[in-house]
Amino acid sequence: MFAGEMGAILSNAVPGHDVDLFDDFCEHLLVRDATSGQVIGTYRVLTPAQARRVGSTYSDTEFDLTRLRSVRERMVELGRSCVHKDHRHGGVIMALWGALAEFMVRNQLDTMIGCASIPMQYEGPHGVVGGGHAAASIWRQVKEKHLAPIDCHVRPRLPLPIEQLDDTLDVEPPALIKGYLRLGAKVLGPPAWDPDFNAADLPMLMRIADLPARYRKHFLGS
């Protein structure tokens, strides 16, 4: 997905595969098709203990997370969320989120962070929007209602040049970002530019305590 759909530049020993130094330290959640056994959905989860072992999180490479130091011991990092293009109907991501909720409760963790990607060549309702303008417009939209308190803000190490982009476009956030926001997630600051993945990354944080009641009942049974 990352190489084919997003145009990512993957520099590793396995051609066509997205591999980085964090993979071996992460838990990997998988959803398989019950009939074929094919993997149709994935998530990787970096726990606090494993983040200490590897020395940081992936998000640390894109953002200064100093203001999150007080929640590090209870914070997991989510990454590489991926659903097979033939199964993007909602059921797979709900299965992944359900497994993730169980994992969090079982390990007494309560906070999740991650980088939510917006492709630089973004397909909106009126066609493909290039050059980061869609990402700037989505940032304008989400910061109005979903920006975290200032004591949780983080700073991008390589900022997307928002001030040079058109942020007035009528585009919707990607489905995954909309899903996170429905679950009570907050945006921690403006997007970073990730040239390797040809994307703008929004830093996001979600707490178990902030889950709306209906999702809490669905995922946690309470």
N, C-alpha and C. Protein backbone atom coordinates (compact mmCIF):
# COMPACT_ATOMS: atom_id res chain seq x y z
N MET A 1 0.83 -1.20 0.00
CA MET A 1 0.00 0.00 0.00
C MET A 1 0.86 1.25 0.00
N PHE A 2 1.85 1.32 0.90
CA PHE A 2 2.60 2.55 1.07
C PHE A 2 3.42 2.88 -0.17
N ALA A 3 3.97 1.86 -0.81
CA ALA A 3 4.74 2.11 -2.02
C ALA A 3 3.83 2.35 -3.21
N GLY A 4 2.80 1.49 -3.36
CA GLY A 4 1.95 1.58 -4.54
C GLY A 4 0.97 2.72 -4.52
N GLU A 5 0.25 2.89 -3.40
CA GLU A 5 -0.82 3.88 -3.35
C GLU A 5 -0.34 5.27 -2.95
N MET A 6 0.67 5.34 -2.08
CA MET A 6 1.10 6.64 -1.58
C MET A 6 2.36 7.14 -2.26
N GLY A 7 2.99 6.29 -3.07
CA GLY A 7 4.21 6.71 -3.73
C GLY A 7 5.38 6.85 -2.79
N ALA A 8 5.39 6.03 -1.73
CA ALA A 8 6.46 6.12 -0.74
C ALA A 8 7.79 5.67 -1.31
N ILE A 9 8.85 6.28 -0.81
CA ILE A 9 10.20 5.87 -1.16
C ILE A 9 10.69 4.92 -0.08
N LEU A 10 10.74 3.63 -0.39
CA LEU A 10 11.08 2.62 0.61
C LEU A 10 12.54 2.20 0.42
N SER A 11 13.37 2.63 1.33
CA SER A 11 14.80 2.30 1.24
C SER A 11 15.15 1.26 2.28
N ASN A 12 15.01 -0.01 1.90
CA ASN A 12 15.35 -1.10 2.81
C ASN A 12 15.80 -2.30 2.00
N ALA A 13 16.15 -3.34 2.71
CA ALA A 13 16.76 -4.50 2.06
C ALA A 13 15.76 -5.40 1.34
N VAL A 14 14.46 -5.20 1.59
CA VAL A 14 13.44 -6.04 0.96
C VAL A 14 12.65 -5.18 -0.01
N PRO A 15 12.91 -5.29 -1.30
CA PRO A 15 12.25 -4.42 -2.28
C PRO A 15 10.74 -4.48 -2.19
N GLY A 16 10.11 -3.29 -2.22
CA GLY A 16 8.66 -3.23 -2.19
C GLY A 16 8.03 -3.40 -0.83
N HIS A 17 8.84 -3.57 0.21
CA HIS A 17 8.32 -3.77 1.56
C HIS A 17 8.64 -2.58 2.44
N ASP A 18 7.68 -2.22 3.28
CA ASP A 18 7.86 -1.13 4.24
C ASP A 18 8.41 -1.73 5.53
N VAL A 19 9.69 -1.53 5.77
CA VAL A 19 10.36 -2.06 6.96
C VAL A 19 11.18 -0.95 7.59
N ASP A 20 11.08 -0.80 8.92
CA ASP A 20 11.95 0.16 9.58
C ASP A 20 12.42 -0.42 10.91
N LEU A 21 13.23 0.35 11.64
CA LEU A 21 13.86 -0.18 12.85
C LEU A 21 12.86 -0.42 13.97
N PHE A 22 11.66 0.15 13.90
CA PHE A 22 10.68 -0.02 14.96
C PHE A 22 9.91 -1.34 14.85
N ASP A 23 9.87 -1.94 13.66
CA ASP A 23 9.03 -3.12 13.43
C ASP A 23 9.30 -4.25 14.42
N ASP A 24 10.57 -4.55 14.66
CA ASP A 24 10.92 -5.68 15.53
C ASP A 24 10.56 -5.43 16.99
N PHE A 25 10.27 -4.19 17.35
CA PHE A 25 9.94 -3.86 18.73
C PHE A 25 8.43 -3.73 18.95
N CYS A 26 7.66 -3.82 17.88
CA CYS A 26 6.22 -3.58 17.95
C CYS A 26 5.42 -4.87 18.07
N GLU A 27 4.23 -4.75 18.67
CA GLU A 27 3.20 -5.77 18.54
C GLU A 27 2.49 -5.49 17.21
N HIS A 28 2.10 -6.57 16.52
CA HIS A 28 1.45 -6.39 15.22
C HIS A 28 0.07 -7.03 15.26
N LEU A 29 -0.97 -6.21 15.10
CA LEU A 29 -2.34 -6.70 15.06
C LEU A 29 -2.70 -7.01 13.62
N LEU A 30 -3.30 -8.16 13.40
CA LEU A 30 -3.67 -8.58 12.05
C LEU A 30 -5.13 -9.00 12.01
N VAL A 31 -5.81 -8.65 10.92
CA VAL A 31 -7.14 -9.16 10.63
C VAL A 31 -7.02 -10.02 9.38
N ARG A 32 -7.53 -11.24 9.46
CA ARG A 32 -7.49 -12.17 8.32
C ARG A 32 -8.90 -12.43 7.80
N ASP A 33 -9.00 -12.63 6.51
CA ASP A 33 -10.25 -13.07 5.91
C ASP A 33 -10.52 -14.51 6.35
N ALA A 34 -11.70 -14.75 6.93
CA ALA A 34 -11.99 -16.06 7.49
C ALA A 34 -12.00 -17.16 6.43
N THR A 35 -12.30 -16.81 5.20
CA THR A 35 -12.38 -17.82 4.14
C THR A 35 -11.01 -18.11 3.53
N SER A 36 -10.31 -17.08 3.14
CA SER A 36 -9.03 -17.26 2.43
C SER A 36 -7.82 -17.30 3.35
N GLY A 37 -7.95 -16.75 4.55
CA GLY A 37 -6.80 -16.64 5.44
C GLY A 37 -5.89 -15.47 5.10
N GLN A 38 -6.24 -14.69 4.08
CA GLN A 38 -5.42 -13.56 3.66
C GLN A 38 -5.46 -12.45 4.71
N VAL A 39 -4.32 -11.83 4.97
CA VAL A 39 -4.27 -10.67 5.85
C VAL A 39 -4.89 -9.49 5.12
N ILE A 40 -5.92 -8.89 5.73
CA ILE A 40 -6.62 -7.78 5.08
C ILE A 40 -6.58 -6.50 5.90
N GLY A 41 -5.99 -6.56 7.09
CA GLY A 41 -5.86 -5.36 7.89
C GLY A 41 -4.72 -5.49 8.87
N THR A 42 -4.00 -4.40 9.11
CA THR A 42 -2.85 -4.45 10.02
C THR A 42 -2.78 -3.16 10.84
N TYR A 43 -2.16 -3.28 11.99
CA TYR A 43 -1.79 -2.17 12.85
C TYR A 43 -0.49 -2.59 13.53
N ARG A 44 0.38 -1.65 13.81
CA ARG A 44 1.49 -1.98 14.68
C ARG A 44 1.41 -1.08 15.92
N VAL A 45 1.79 -1.67 17.05
CA VAL A 45 1.63 -1.01 18.35
C VAL A 45 2.96 -1.06 19.08
N LEU A 46 3.46 0.12 19.43
CA LEU A 46 4.71 0.22 20.19
C LEU A 46 4.37 0.58 21.63
N THR A 47 4.67 -0.34 22.55
CA THR A 47 4.34 -0.12 23.96
C THR A 47 5.38 0.78 24.62
N PRO A 48 5.07 1.32 25.81
CA PRO A 48 6.06 2.14 26.50
C PRO A 48 7.37 1.41 26.78
N ALA A 49 7.27 0.14 27.19
CA ALA A 49 8.49 -0.63 27.49
C ALA A 49 9.35 -0.81 26.25
N GLN A 50 8.71 -1.10 25.13
CA GLN A 50 9.46 -1.31 23.90
C GLN A 50 9.99 0.00 23.33
N ALA A 51 9.25 1.09 23.55
CA ALA A 51 9.75 2.40 23.12
C ALA A 51 11.04 2.75 23.87
N ARG A 52 11.11 2.37 25.14
CA ARG A 52 12.34 2.61 25.89
C ARG A 52 13.48 1.77 25.34
N ARG A 53 13.17 0.55 24.92
CA ARG A 53 14.21 -0.34 24.39
C ARG A 53 14.78 0.18 23.08
N VAL A 54 13.90 0.66 22.18
CA VAL A 54 14.37 1.14 20.88
C VAL A 54 14.89 2.57 20.97
N GLY A 55 14.50 3.30 22.02
CA GLY A 55 15.05 4.63 22.24
C GLY A 55 14.12 5.79 21.93
N SER A 56 12.99 5.50 21.26
CA SER A 56 12.02 6.56 20.94
C SER A 56 10.80 5.90 20.30
N THR A 57 9.87 6.73 19.88
CA THR A 57 8.78 6.27 19.03
C THR A 57 9.02 6.79 17.62
N TYR A 58 8.29 6.27 16.65
CA TYR A 58 8.37 6.82 15.29
C TYR A 58 7.94 8.28 15.30
N SER A 59 6.92 8.60 16.09
CA SER A 59 6.42 9.97 16.14
C SER A 59 7.49 10.94 16.62
N ASP A 60 8.39 10.47 17.48
CA ASP A 60 9.49 11.32 17.94
C ASP A 60 10.38 11.78 16.79
N THR A 61 10.45 10.99 15.73
CA THR A 61 11.30 11.37 14.59
C THR A 61 10.66 12.48 13.77
N GLU A 62 9.34 12.66 13.91
CA GLU A 62 8.64 13.68 13.14
C GLU A 62 8.24 14.90 13.98
N PHE A 63 8.12 14.70 15.31
CA PHE A 63 7.63 15.78 16.17
C PHE A 63 8.44 15.85 17.46
N ASP A 64 8.50 17.03 18.03
CA ASP A 64 9.04 17.21 19.37
C ASP A 64 7.91 16.92 20.35
N LEU A 65 8.00 15.78 21.05
CA LEU A 65 6.92 15.32 21.93
C LEU A 65 7.17 15.68 23.39
N THR A 66 7.97 16.68 23.65
CA THR A 66 8.34 17.03 25.03
C THR A 66 7.12 17.18 25.93
N ARG A 67 6.06 17.79 25.44
CA ARG A 67 4.91 18.05 26.29
C ARG A 67 4.09 16.81 26.61
N LEU A 68 4.43 15.68 26.02
CA LEU A 68 3.73 14.43 26.33
C LEU A 68 4.48 13.57 27.34
N ARG A 69 5.55 14.10 27.91
CA ARG A 69 6.38 13.27 28.78
C ARG A 69 5.61 12.73 29.99
N SER A 70 4.58 13.46 30.45
CA SER A 70 3.86 13.00 31.63
C SER A 70 2.98 11.78 31.37
N VAL A 71 2.69 11.48 30.09
CA VAL A 71 1.83 10.32 29.78
C VAL A 71 2.61 9.18 29.14
N ARG A 72 3.90 9.31 29.01
CA ARG A 72 4.70 8.31 28.30
C ARG A 72 4.54 6.90 28.87
N GLU A 73 4.46 6.79 30.19
CA GLU A 73 4.41 5.47 30.83
C GLU A 73 3.11 4.73 30.55
N ARG A 74 2.10 5.43 30.07
CA ARG A 74 0.80 4.80 29.79
C ARG A 74 0.43 4.91 28.31
N MET A 75 1.40 5.30 27.49
CA MET A 75 1.12 5.68 26.10
C MET A 75 1.69 4.67 25.10
N VAL A 76 0.84 4.21 24.21
CA VAL A 76 1.30 3.38 23.11
C VAL A 76 1.28 4.22 21.83
N GLU A 77 2.12 3.83 20.89
CA GLU A 77 2.09 4.48 19.59
C GLU A 77 1.48 3.53 18.57
N LEU A 78 0.51 4.05 17.83
CA LEU A 78 -0.11 3.29 16.74
C LEU A 78 0.53 3.70 15.42
N GLY A 79 0.67 2.76 14.53
CA GLY A 79 1.26 3.09 13.24
C GLY A 79 0.92 2.08 12.18
N ARG A 80 1.21 2.46 10.95
CA ARG A 80 1.07 1.59 9.78
C ARG A 80 -0.31 0.95 9.70
N SER A 81 -1.34 1.72 10.01
CA SER A 81 -2.69 1.21 9.82
C SER A 81 -2.92 1.00 8.33
N CYS A 82 -3.35 -0.19 7.98
CA CYS A 82 -3.48 -0.52 6.56
C CYS A 82 -4.62 -1.52 6.37
N VAL A 83 -5.53 -1.22 5.46
CA VAL A 83 -6.63 -2.12 5.13
C VAL A 83 -6.59 -2.40 3.64
N HIS A 84 -6.71 -3.66 3.27
CA HIS A 84 -6.70 -4.07 1.87
C HIS A 84 -7.78 -3.30 1.10
N LYS A 85 -7.44 -2.86 -0.10
CA LYS A 85 -8.35 -2.00 -0.87
C LYS A 85 -9.69 -2.66 -1.17
N ASP A 86 -9.76 -3.99 -1.16
CA ASP A 86 -11.02 -4.67 -1.43
C ASP A 86 -11.88 -4.84 -0.18
N HIS A 87 -11.41 -4.36 0.96
CA HIS A 87 -12.14 -4.58 2.22
C HIS A 87 -12.31 -3.28 3.01
N ARG A 88 -12.33 -2.14 2.32
CA ARG A 88 -12.43 -0.86 3.02
C ARG A 88 -13.90 -0.45 3.20
N HIS A 89 -14.60 -1.23 4.00
CA HIS A 89 -16.01 -0.98 4.23
C HIS A 89 -16.31 -0.72 5.70
N GLY A 90 -15.30 -0.59 6.51
CA GLY A 90 -15.52 -0.25 7.91
C GLY A 90 -15.35 -1.42 8.86
N GLY A 91 -15.73 -2.62 8.43
CA GLY A 91 -15.68 -3.77 9.33
C GLY A 91 -14.27 -4.13 9.78
N VAL A 92 -13.30 -4.00 8.87
CA VAL A 92 -11.93 -4.38 9.20
C VAL A 92 -11.34 -3.44 10.24
N ILE A 93 -11.52 -2.13 10.03
CA ILE A 93 -10.95 -1.18 10.99
C ILE A 93 -11.64 -1.31 12.34
N MET A 94 -12.92 -1.64 12.36
CA MET A 94 -13.61 -1.84 13.64
C MET A 94 -13.05 -3.07 14.36
N ALA A 95 -12.72 -4.10 13.59
CA ALA A 95 -12.12 -5.29 14.21
C ALA A 95 -10.75 -4.96 14.79
N LEU A 96 -9.97 -4.15 14.06
CA LEU A 96 -8.66 -3.73 14.56
C LEU A 96 -8.81 -2.88 15.82
N TRP A 97 -9.76 -1.96 15.81
CA TRP A 97 -9.96 -1.10 16.98
C TRP A 97 -10.43 -1.92 18.18
N GLY A 98 -11.26 -2.93 17.94
CA GLY A 98 -11.71 -3.78 19.03
C GLY A 98 -10.56 -4.54 19.67
N ALA A 99 -9.68 -5.09 18.82
CA ALA A 99 -8.50 -5.79 19.34
C ALA A 99 -7.57 -4.84 20.07
N LEU A 100 -7.47 -3.63 19.55
CA LEU A 100 -6.61 -2.63 20.18
C LEU A 100 -7.15 -2.24 21.56
N ALA A 101 -8.46 -2.07 21.68
CA ALA A 101 -9.06 -1.73 22.97
C ALA A 101 -8.78 -2.82 23.99
N GLU A 102 -8.93 -4.08 23.60
CA GLU A 102 -8.65 -5.20 24.50
C GLU A 102 -7.18 -5.18 24.92
N PHE A 103 -6.29 -4.91 23.99
CA PHE A 103 -4.86 -4.85 24.28
C PHE A 103 -4.56 -3.76 25.31
N MET A 104 -5.17 -2.60 25.13
CA MET A 104 -4.93 -1.48 26.03
C MET A 104 -5.39 -1.81 27.45
N VAL A 105 -6.58 -2.35 27.57
CA VAL A 105 -7.12 -2.67 28.89
C VAL A 105 -6.29 -3.77 29.55
N ARG A 106 -5.94 -4.79 28.79
CA ARG A 106 -5.18 -5.92 29.34
C ARG A 106 -3.82 -5.47 29.87
N ASN A 107 -3.23 -4.48 29.24
CA ASN A 107 -1.90 -4.02 29.63
C ASN A 107 -1.93 -2.74 30.47
N GLN A 108 -3.13 -2.34 30.90
CA GLN A 108 -3.30 -1.17 31.77
C GLN A 108 -2.68 0.09 31.16
N LEU A 109 -2.97 0.30 29.89
CA LEU A 109 -2.53 1.49 29.16
C LEU A 109 -3.75 2.31 28.79
N ASP A 110 -3.60 3.63 28.71
CA ASP A 110 -4.80 4.43 28.49
C ASP A 110 -4.68 5.52 27.44
N THR A 111 -3.52 5.68 26.83
CA THR A 111 -3.31 6.77 25.88
C THR A 111 -2.67 6.24 24.60
N MET A 112 -3.14 6.73 23.46
CA MET A 112 -2.59 6.32 22.17
C MET A 112 -2.19 7.56 21.38
N ILE A 113 -1.07 7.50 20.73
CA ILE A 113 -0.65 8.57 19.82
C ILE A 113 -0.30 7.95 18.47
N GLY A 114 -0.19 8.80 17.48
CA GLY A 114 0.23 8.33 16.17
C GLY A 114 0.22 9.45 15.16
N CYS A 115 0.81 9.19 14.02
CA CYS A 115 0.84 10.14 12.91
C CYS A 115 -0.20 9.69 11.88
N ALA A 116 -1.21 10.52 11.64
CA ALA A 116 -2.25 10.20 10.66
C ALA A 116 -1.90 10.89 9.35
N SER A 117 -1.72 10.10 8.31
CA SER A 117 -1.19 10.63 7.05
C SER A 117 -2.27 11.14 6.10
N ILE A 118 -1.92 12.24 5.44
CA ILE A 118 -2.74 12.79 4.35
C ILE A 118 -1.84 12.83 3.12
N PRO A 119 -2.13 12.05 2.09
CA PRO A 119 -1.27 12.04 0.91
C PRO A 119 -1.12 13.42 0.29
N MET A 120 0.08 13.73 -0.18
CA MET A 120 0.30 15.02 -0.84
C MET A 120 -0.50 15.11 -2.14
N GLN A 121 -0.71 13.98 -2.79
CA GLN A 121 -1.61 13.92 -3.95
C GLN A 121 -2.92 13.33 -3.45
N TYR A 122 -3.83 14.18 -3.01
CA TYR A 122 -5.01 13.73 -2.28
C TYR A 122 -6.23 13.72 -3.20
N GLU A 123 -6.94 12.61 -3.21
CA GLU A 123 -8.11 12.47 -4.07
C GLU A 123 -9.35 12.97 -3.33
N GLY A 124 -9.84 14.12 -3.69
CA GLY A 124 -11.02 14.72 -3.08
C GLY A 124 -12.24 14.56 -3.96
N PRO A 125 -13.36 15.19 -3.55
CA PRO A 125 -14.61 15.04 -4.31
C PRO A 125 -14.55 15.65 -5.70
N HIS A 126 -13.61 16.56 -5.93
CA HIS A 126 -13.50 17.24 -7.23
C HIS A 126 -12.24 16.84 -7.98
N GLY A 127 -11.69 15.68 -7.63
CA GLY A 127 -10.50 15.20 -8.30
C GLY A 127 -9.29 15.24 -7.38
N VAL A 128 -8.13 15.02 -7.97
CA VAL A 128 -6.89 14.95 -7.21
C VAL A 128 -6.36 16.35 -6.92
N VAL A 129 -6.04 16.59 -5.67
CA VAL A 129 -5.45 17.87 -5.25
C VAL A 129 -4.01 17.61 -4.86
N GLY A 130 -3.09 18.28 -5.51
CA GLY A 130 -1.67 18.05 -5.23
C GLY A 130 -1.04 19.18 -4.45
N GLY A 131 0.23 18.99 -4.14
CA GLY A 131 1.02 20.05 -3.55
C GLY A 131 0.79 20.35 -2.09
N GLY A 132 0.04 19.50 -1.38
CA GLY A 132 -0.16 19.73 0.04
C GLY A 132 -1.32 20.65 0.38
N HIS A 133 -2.02 21.18 -0.62
CA HIS A 133 -3.12 22.11 -0.35
C HIS A 133 -4.27 21.42 0.39
N ALA A 134 -4.53 20.16 0.06
CA ALA A 134 -5.58 19.42 0.77
C ALA A 134 -5.21 19.24 2.24
N ALA A 135 -3.95 18.92 2.51
CA ALA A 135 -3.52 18.73 3.89
C ALA A 135 -3.67 20.02 4.68
N ALA A 136 -3.31 21.16 4.07
CA ALA A 136 -3.45 22.45 4.74
C ALA A 136 -4.92 22.75 5.03
N SER A 137 -5.80 22.40 4.10
CA SER A 137 -7.23 22.64 4.28
C SER A 137 -7.81 21.75 5.37
N ILE A 138 -7.36 20.50 5.41
CA ILE A 138 -7.84 19.57 6.44
C ILE A 138 -7.35 20.02 7.82
N TRP A 139 -6.11 20.49 7.91
CA TRP A 139 -5.60 21.01 9.17
C TRP A 139 -6.46 22.19 9.65
N ARG A 140 -6.81 23.09 8.75
CA ARG A 140 -7.66 24.23 9.13
C ARG A 140 -8.98 23.74 9.71
N GLN A 141 -9.56 22.71 9.08
CA GLN A 141 -10.86 22.20 9.54
C GLN A 141 -10.75 21.56 10.92
N VAL A 142 -9.79 20.66 11.09
CA VAL A 142 -9.76 19.88 12.32
C VAL A 142 -9.31 20.70 13.53
N LYS A 143 -8.48 21.72 13.32
CA LYS A 143 -8.01 22.48 14.46
C LYS A 143 -9.11 23.32 15.08
N GLU A 144 -10.18 23.61 14.30
CA GLU A 144 -11.26 24.43 14.82
C GLU A 144 -12.05 23.73 15.92
N LYS A 145 -12.21 22.41 15.81
CA LYS A 145 -13.04 21.68 16.78
C LYS A 145 -12.29 20.59 17.54
N HIS A 146 -11.13 20.19 17.06
CA HIS A 146 -10.51 19.00 17.61
C HIS A 146 -9.07 19.22 18.09
N LEU A 147 -8.68 20.46 18.30
CA LEU A 147 -7.31 20.74 18.74
C LEU A 147 -7.18 20.46 20.23
N ALA A 148 -6.11 19.78 20.60
CA ALA A 148 -5.86 19.45 22.00
C ALA A 148 -5.52 20.70 22.80
N PRO A 149 -5.64 20.64 24.13
CA PRO A 149 -5.20 21.77 24.96
C PRO A 149 -3.73 22.08 24.71
N ILE A 150 -3.35 23.33 24.94
CA ILE A 150 -2.00 23.78 24.59
C ILE A 150 -0.91 23.00 25.32
N ASP A 151 -1.21 22.48 26.51
CA ASP A 151 -0.17 21.77 27.26
C ASP A 151 0.16 20.41 26.65
N CYS A 152 -0.59 20.02 25.60
CA CYS A 152 -0.30 18.77 24.88
C CYS A 152 0.21 19.02 23.46
N HIS A 153 0.39 20.27 23.08
CA HIS A 153 0.80 20.55 21.71
C HIS A 153 2.23 20.06 21.44
N VAL A 154 2.44 19.59 20.21
CA VAL A 154 3.76 19.14 19.78
C VAL A 154 4.16 19.94 18.55
N ARG A 155 5.45 19.94 18.26
CA ARG A 155 5.96 20.72 17.14
C ARG A 155 6.57 19.82 16.07
N PRO A 156 6.20 20.03 14.80
CA PRO A 156 6.79 19.22 13.73
C PRO A 156 8.26 19.58 13.53
N ARG A 157 9.08 18.57 13.30
CA ARG A 157 10.51 18.81 13.03
C ARG A 157 10.71 19.33 11.61
N LEU A 158 9.87 18.87 10.68
CA LEU A 158 9.90 19.38 9.31
C LEU A 158 8.47 19.81 8.98
N PRO A 159 8.11 21.05 9.31
CA PRO A 159 6.71 21.48 9.15
C PRO A 159 6.27 21.52 7.69
N LEU A 160 5.01 21.16 7.46
CA LEU A 160 4.40 21.44 6.18
C LEU A 160 4.24 22.96 6.10
N PRO A 161 4.67 23.59 5.00
CA PRO A 161 4.63 25.07 4.93
C PRO A 161 3.21 25.61 4.73
N ILE A 162 2.42 25.53 5.79
CA ILE A 162 1.00 25.89 5.74
C ILE A 162 0.78 27.28 5.15
N GLU A 163 1.63 28.24 5.57
CA GLU A 163 1.41 29.63 5.16
C GLU A 163 1.59 29.82 3.66
N GLN A 164 2.21 28.87 2.97
CA GLN A 164 2.42 28.98 1.53
C GLN A 164 1.37 28.20 0.73
N LEU A 165 0.41 27.60 1.44
CA LEU A 165 -0.56 26.71 0.78
C LEU A 165 -1.97 27.28 0.87
N ASP A 166 -2.82 26.83 -0.02
CA ASP A 166 -4.23 27.22 -0.02
C ASP A 166 -4.99 26.31 0.94
N ASP A 167 -5.46 26.89 2.06
CA ASP A 167 -6.15 26.07 3.06
C ASP A 167 -7.66 26.26 3.02
N THR A 168 -8.18 26.73 1.90
CA THR A 168 -9.62 27.02 1.79
C THR A 168 -10.37 25.97 0.98
N LEU A 169 -9.72 24.88 0.60
CA LEU A 169 -10.35 23.91 -0.28
C LEU A 169 -11.43 23.11 0.45
N ASP A 170 -12.44 22.69 -0.31
CA ASP A 170 -13.53 21.89 0.22
C ASP A 170 -13.16 20.41 0.09
N VAL A 171 -12.40 19.92 1.05
CA VAL A 171 -11.99 18.52 1.05
C VAL A 171 -12.30 17.92 2.42
N GLU A 172 -12.60 16.64 2.43
CA GLU A 172 -12.87 15.94 3.69
C GLU A 172 -11.61 15.23 4.16
N PRO A 173 -11.43 15.09 5.47
CA PRO A 173 -10.30 14.32 5.97
C PRO A 173 -10.40 12.86 5.52
N PRO A 174 -9.26 12.16 5.42
CA PRO A 174 -9.31 10.73 5.13
C PRO A 174 -10.18 9.99 6.14
N ALA A 175 -10.70 8.85 5.72
CA ALA A 175 -11.64 8.08 6.56
C ALA A 175 -11.04 7.73 7.92
N LEU A 176 -9.74 7.40 7.95
CA LEU A 176 -9.14 7.01 9.22
C LEU A 176 -9.12 8.19 10.19
N ILE A 177 -8.79 9.37 9.70
CA ILE A 177 -8.78 10.55 10.57
C ILE A 177 -10.19 10.86 11.06
N LYS A 178 -11.18 10.78 10.18
CA LYS A 178 -12.56 11.00 10.62
C LYS A 178 -12.97 9.98 11.68
N GLY A 179 -12.51 8.74 11.51
CA GLY A 179 -12.82 7.72 12.50
C GLY A 179 -12.19 8.04 13.85
N TYR A 180 -10.94 8.45 13.85
CA TYR A 180 -10.28 8.83 15.10
C TYR A 180 -11.02 9.97 15.79
N LEU A 181 -11.44 10.97 15.03
CA LEU A 181 -12.13 12.12 15.62
C LEU A 181 -13.46 11.70 16.22
N ARG A 182 -14.15 10.76 15.58
CA ARG A 182 -15.40 10.25 16.16
C ARG A 182 -15.15 9.54 17.49
N LEU A 183 -13.97 8.96 17.63
CA LEU A 183 -13.63 8.26 18.87
C LEU A 183 -13.13 9.21 19.96
N GLY A 184 -13.12 10.51 19.68
CA GLY A 184 -12.71 11.47 20.68
C GLY A 184 -11.25 11.89 20.60
N ALA A 185 -10.57 11.53 19.52
CA ALA A 185 -9.15 11.89 19.38
C ALA A 185 -8.99 13.40 19.22
N LYS A 186 -7.81 13.87 19.61
CA LYS A 186 -7.45 15.27 19.48
C LYS A 186 -6.22 15.41 18.57
N VAL A 187 -6.18 16.52 17.85
CA VAL A 187 -5.02 16.84 17.03
C VAL A 187 -4.05 17.65 17.89
N LEU A 188 -2.77 17.28 17.87
CA LEU A 188 -1.79 17.87 18.77
C LEU A 188 -1.05 19.06 18.20
N GLY A 189 -1.30 19.38 16.94
CA GLY A 189 -0.59 20.50 16.33
C GLY A 189 -0.58 20.36 14.82
N PRO A 190 0.08 21.29 14.14
CA PRO A 190 0.09 21.30 12.68
C PRO A 190 0.87 20.12 12.11
N PRO A 191 0.63 19.80 10.85
CA PRO A 191 1.23 18.62 10.24
C PRO A 191 2.71 18.77 9.93
N ALA A 192 3.39 17.65 9.99
CA ALA A 192 4.76 17.55 9.50
C ALA A 192 4.72 17.06 8.06
N TRP A 193 5.76 17.38 7.33
CA TRP A 193 5.90 16.86 5.97
C TRP A 193 6.83 15.66 6.01
N ASP A 194 6.35 14.54 5.48
CA ASP A 194 7.14 13.32 5.42
C ASP A 194 7.47 13.05 3.95
N PRO A 195 8.65 13.49 3.48
CA PRO A 195 8.97 13.33 2.06
C PRO A 195 9.10 11.88 1.63
N ASP A 196 9.54 11.01 2.52
CA ASP A 196 9.71 9.60 2.14
C ASP A 196 8.37 8.95 1.81
N PHE A 197 7.32 9.33 2.54
CA PHE A 197 6.00 8.75 2.30
C PHE A 197 5.10 9.67 1.48
N ASN A 198 5.66 10.78 1.01
CA ASN A 198 4.91 11.69 0.15
C ASN A 198 3.60 12.08 0.81
N ALA A 199 3.68 12.46 2.10
CA ALA A 199 2.47 12.71 2.88
C ALA A 199 2.71 13.81 3.90
N ALA A 200 1.60 14.40 4.33
CA ALA A 200 1.60 15.29 5.50
C ALA A 200 1.04 14.49 6.66
N ASP A 201 1.71 14.54 7.80
CA ASP A 201 1.32 13.73 8.96
C ASP A 201 0.77 14.61 10.07
N LEU A 202 -0.45 14.32 10.49
CA LEU A 202 -1.06 15.02 11.61
C LEU A 202 -0.77 14.25 12.90
N PRO A 203 -0.27 14.91 13.95
CA PRO A 203 -0.06 14.22 15.22
C PRO A 203 -1.37 14.13 15.98
N MET A 204 -1.74 12.93 16.39
CA MET A 204 -3.03 12.73 17.05
C MET A 204 -2.86 11.97 18.36
N LEU A 205 -3.77 12.24 19.28
CA LEU A 205 -3.76 11.57 20.59
C LEU A 205 -5.19 11.18 20.93
N MET A 206 -5.31 9.96 21.47
CA MET A 206 -6.62 9.46 21.86
C MET A 206 -6.50 8.77 23.22
N ARG A 207 -7.45 9.07 24.10
CA ARG A 207 -7.45 8.47 25.44
C ARG A 207 -8.68 7.56 25.59
N ILE A 208 -8.48 6.44 26.27
CA ILE A 208 -9.60 5.54 26.55
C ILE A 208 -10.72 6.29 27.27
N ALA A 209 -10.33 7.18 28.19
CA ALA A 209 -11.33 7.92 28.98
C ALA A 209 -12.18 8.84 28.13
N ASP A 210 -11.70 9.21 26.94
CA ASP A 210 -12.43 10.14 26.08
C ASP A 210 -13.34 9.44 25.08
N LEU A 211 -13.37 8.12 25.09
CA LEU A 211 -14.24 7.40 24.16
C LEU A 211 -15.69 7.76 24.43
N PRO A 212 -16.45 8.14 23.40
CA PRO A 212 -17.88 8.37 23.60
C PRO A 212 -18.56 7.10 24.12
N ALA A 213 -19.65 7.27 24.83
CA ALA A 213 -20.30 6.14 25.52
C ALA A 213 -20.61 4.97 24.60
N ARG A 214 -21.10 5.27 23.39
CA ARG A 214 -21.50 4.18 22.50
C ARG A 214 -20.30 3.35 22.05
N TYR A 215 -19.15 4.00 21.84
CA TYR A 215 -17.96 3.26 21.44
C TYR A 215 -17.35 2.53 22.64
N ARG A 216 -17.44 3.15 23.82
CA ARG A 216 -16.96 2.48 25.01
C ARG A 216 -17.72 1.15 25.22
N LYS A 217 -19.04 1.21 25.05
CA LYS A 217 -19.84 -0.01 25.20
C LYS A 217 -19.49 -1.02 24.13
N HIS A 218 -19.29 -0.54 22.90
CA HIS A 218 -19.01 -1.47 21.79
C HIS A 218 -17.67 -2.17 21.97
N PHE A 219 -16.63 -1.40 22.33
CA PHE A 219 -15.29 -1.96 22.40
C PHE A 219 -14.95 -2.55 23.76
N LEU A 220 -15.51 -1.97 24.83
CA LEU A 220 -15.12 -2.39 26.18
C LEU A 220 -16.25 -3.07 26.94
N GLY A 221 -17.46 -2.99 26.41
CA GLY A 221 -18.59 -3.63 27.06
C GLY A 221 -19.03 -2.93 28.33
N SER A 222 -18.65 -1.64 28.48
CA SER A 222 -19.04 -0.91 29.69
C SER A 222 -19.33 0.54 29.37
